[in-house]
C-alpha cells in the first residue's frame, strides 16, 4: 500500500482544520437541482438523514467583522496628448500619400545600372574585336611579373624556414 495517498489526505485535512473550513462546510446549502421533483426527492432524503441540521461549532476566538471595500471613485475623462490635440494626426491621415513616379534613390539606381550595362557592353565589344590600348598591355605584363616575383620570394622564404637556417 502506498503511503503517498494517506499523507496527502492528512495534509488536506490539517489544512482544512487550520483554516476553519468545516464550519463553512456545515453552513453551506446543498446545491440546487434543475427539476422540482428532484428538489423534493433531495429534500425528503435530507429530512430522513438528519431531521435537524447540526449547529455549527462556534470559534472561541472572536473574528472582527470585515471592513467594507472602498467604493470606486469616478475616474476623470482621459485627456488627449498635447501633440494629438492640434489635429496634426487627422491632417496626416487625410493627406494623399500616393505620388506619381519613382523616388530619387530608385531613379539613381536605375541610372547607375544603365551606365554600368553600357560600359560592360563597350568592354565586351572591345575584347571581341581584340582592341587593347598600349597601357593595358604594359599593365598586364607588369602585374604578371610582380606576381611571379612574389611567388618566388615566398617559396624561398618557406624553404629557409623548413631547412632551419
Protein backbone atom coordinates (compact mmCIF):
# COMPACT_ATOMS: atom_id res chain seq x y z
CA UNK A 1 0.00 0.00 0.00
CA UNK A 2 1.35 3.38 -0.93
CA UNK A 3 1.97 5.97 1.77
CA UNK A 4 1.65 8.94 -0.60
CA UNK A 5 -2.15 8.93 -0.54
CA UNK A 6 -2.59 8.89 3.28
CA UNK A 7 0.00 11.65 3.71
CA UNK A 8 -1.80 13.79 1.12
CA UNK A 9 -5.12 13.13 2.83
CA UNK A 10 -3.72 14.01 6.26
CA UNK A 11 -2.19 17.21 4.85
CA UNK A 12 -5.51 18.22 3.25
CA UNK A 13 -7.43 17.58 6.48
CA UNK A 14 -4.87 19.53 8.53
CA UNK A 15 -5.13 22.50 6.14
CA UNK A 16 -8.92 22.38 6.31
CA UNK A 17 -8.89 22.25 10.13
CA UNK A 18 -6.46 25.15 10.41
CA UNK A 19 -8.41 27.39 8.04
CA UNK A 20 -11.77 26.74 9.67
CA UNK A 21 -13.25 25.11 6.59
CA UNK A 22 -15.52 22.60 8.46
CA UNK A 23 -17.65 25.41 9.89
CA UNK A 24 -18.00 26.87 6.44
CA UNK A 25 -18.98 23.45 5.07
CA UNK A 26 -21.62 22.99 7.75
CA UNK A 27 -23.23 26.33 6.93
CA UNK A 28 -23.29 25.82 3.18
CA UNK A 29 -26.55 24.94 1.49
CA UNK A 30 -26.93 21.88 -0.74
CA UNK A 31 -26.69 22.61 -4.46
CA UNK A 32 -29.95 23.30 -6.20
CA UNK A 33 -31.19 20.79 -8.79
CA UNK A 34 -32.87 21.56 -12.03
CA UNK A 35 -36.27 19.89 -11.66
CA UNK A 36 -38.83 20.39 -8.81
CA UNK A 37 -39.28 16.61 -8.45
CA UNK A 38 -35.56 16.19 -7.90
CA UNK A 39 -35.65 19.04 -5.35
CA UNK A 40 -38.48 17.32 -3.45
CA UNK A 41 -36.62 13.99 -3.56
CA UNK A 42 -33.47 15.65 -2.30
CA UNK A 43 -35.37 17.41 0.50
CA UNK A 44 -37.05 14.13 1.52
CA UNK A 45 -33.72 12.32 1.56
CA UNK A 46 -32.16 15.10 3.62
CA UNK A 47 -35.04 15.14 6.12
CA UNK A 48 -34.73 11.37 6.58
CA UNK A 49 -30.97 11.51 7.02
CA UNK A 50 -30.91 14.30 9.57
CA UNK A 51 -34.13 15.84 10.80
CA UNK A 52 -32.43 18.94 12.17
CA UNK A 53 -29.21 20.43 10.94
CA UNK A 54 -26.36 20.23 13.41
CA UNK A 55 -25.39 23.58 14.90
CA UNK A 56 -22.10 24.88 13.65
CA UNK A 57 -19.34 24.93 16.26
CA UNK A 58 -18.51 28.43 17.36
CA UNK A 59 -14.97 29.69 17.19
CA UNK A 60 -13.69 30.62 20.67
CA UNK A 61 -11.66 33.46 19.12
CA UNK A 62 -13.83 36.37 18.05
CA UNK A 63 -13.22 37.48 14.49
CA UNK A 64 -13.73 41.18 13.87
CA UNK A 65 -16.16 41.96 11.05
CA UNK A 66 -14.56 42.61 7.71
CA UNK A 67 -14.19 46.21 6.72
CA UNK A 68 -16.18 47.10 3.63
CA UNK A 69 -14.24 47.60 0.43
CA UNK A 70 -13.77 51.23 -0.55
CA UNK A 71 -16.21 52.38 -3.17
CA UNK A 72 -14.59 53.14 -6.51
CA UNK A 73 -14.34 56.80 -7.34
CA UNK A 74 -15.30 58.14 -10.74
CA UNK A 75 -12.27 58.49 -12.97
CA UNK A 76 -11.82 61.78 -14.82
CA UNK A 77 -12.20 61.64 -18.58
CA UNK A 78 -8.86 60.97 -20.30
CA UNK A 79 -7.30 63.99 -21.93
CA UNK A 80 -5.63 63.67 -25.35
CA UNK A 81 -1.88 64.12 -25.56
CA UNK A 82 -0.76 67.67 -26.39
CA UNK A 83 0.55 66.59 -29.79
CA UNK A 84 -2.76 64.97 -30.73
CA UNK A 85 -4.83 67.98 -29.72
CA UNK A 86 -3.58 70.20 -32.57
CA UNK A 87 -5.13 67.96 -35.25
CA UNK A 88 -1.84 67.02 -36.93
CA UNK A 89 -2.72 63.34 -36.86
CA UNK A 90 -6.06 63.90 -38.56
CA UNK A 91 -4.43 66.08 -41.24
CA UNK A 92 -1.71 63.50 -41.88
CA UNK A 93 -4.30 60.73 -42.21
CA UNK A 94 -6.36 62.79 -44.65
CA UNK A 95 -3.41 63.57 -46.97
CA UNK A 96 -3.00 61.66 -50.19
CA UNK A 97 0.40 59.98 -49.95
CA UNK A 98 0.41 58.46 -53.41
CA UNK A 99 2.80 60.27 -55.71
CA UNK A 100 3.23 59.84 -59.39
CA UNK A 101 6.66 58.50 -60.33
CA UNK A 102 9.53 56.83 -58.55
CA UNK A 103 11.60 58.18 -55.69
CA UNK A 104 15.05 59.70 -56.21
CA UNK A 105 17.07 56.71 -54.88
CA UNK A 106 15.26 54.32 -57.24
CA UNK A 107 15.93 56.61 -60.21
CA UNK A 108 19.62 56.88 -59.21
CA UNK A 109 19.94 53.08 -59.02
CA UNK A 110 18.35 52.65 -62.43
CA UNK A 111 20.65 55.27 -63.99
CA UNK A 112 23.73 53.64 -62.39
CA UNK A 113 22.63 50.23 -63.68
CA UNK A 114 22.15 51.53 -67.23
CA UNK A 115 25.58 53.22 -67.21
CA UNK A 116 27.24 50.02 -65.90
CA UNK A 117 25.47 47.94 -68.56
CA UNK A 118 26.69 50.30 -71.31
CA UNK A 119 30.28 50.16 -70.01
CA UNK A 120 30.25 46.36 -69.88
CA UNK A 121 28.81 46.23 -73.40
CA UNK A 122 31.60 48.54 -74.70
CA UNK A 123 34.28 46.48 -72.94
CA UNK A 124 32.79 43.30 -74.37
CA UNK A 125 32.85 44.74 -77.90
CA UNK A 126 36.44 45.90 -77.44
CA UNK A 127 37.51 42.42 -76.34
CA UNK A 128 35.55 40.86 -79.18
CA UNK A 129 37.44 42.93 -81.73
CA UNK A 130 40.72 42.36 -79.84
CA UNK A 131 41.34 46.03 -79.26
CA UNK A 132 43.69 46.71 -76.39
CA UNK A 133 45.29 50.04 -75.58
CA UNK A 134 49.07 50.08 -75.09
CA UNK A 135 48.89 50.95 -71.41
CA UNK A 136 46.70 47.87 -70.76
CA UNK A 137 49.30 45.57 -72.33
CA UNK A 138 52.09 47.11 -70.20
CA UNK A 139 49.96 46.93 -67.05
CA UNK A 140 49.10 43.26 -67.62
CA UNK A 141 52.78 42.37 -68.15
CA UNK A 142 53.89 44.31 -65.03
CA UNK A 143 51.31 42.72 -62.73
CA UNK A 144 52.10 39.25 -64.06
CA UNK A 145 55.82 39.68 -63.38
CA UNK A 146 55.11 41.12 -59.91
CA UNK A 147 53.04 38.05 -59.10
CA UNK A 148 55.79 35.73 -60.33
CA UNK A 149 58.44 37.51 -58.21
CA UNK A 150 56.20 37.45 -55.13
CA UNK A 151 55.58 33.73 -55.53
CA UNK A 152 59.30 33.05 -55.94
CA UNK A 153 60.16 35.11 -52.86
CA UNK A 154 57.58 33.27 -50.76
CA UNK A 155 58.91 29.91 -51.95
CA UNK A 156 62.47 30.91 -50.95
CA UNK A 157 61.21 32.02 -47.51
CA UNK A 158 59.36 28.76 -46.85
CA UNK A 159 62.46 26.78 -47.92
CA UNK A 160 64.55 28.83 -45.50
CA UNK A 161 62.10 28.10 -42.67
CA UNK A 162 61.91 24.39 -43.46
CA UNK A 163 65.68 23.92 -43.57
CA UNK A 164 66.18 25.87 -40.35
CA UNK A 165 68.78 28.34 -41.50
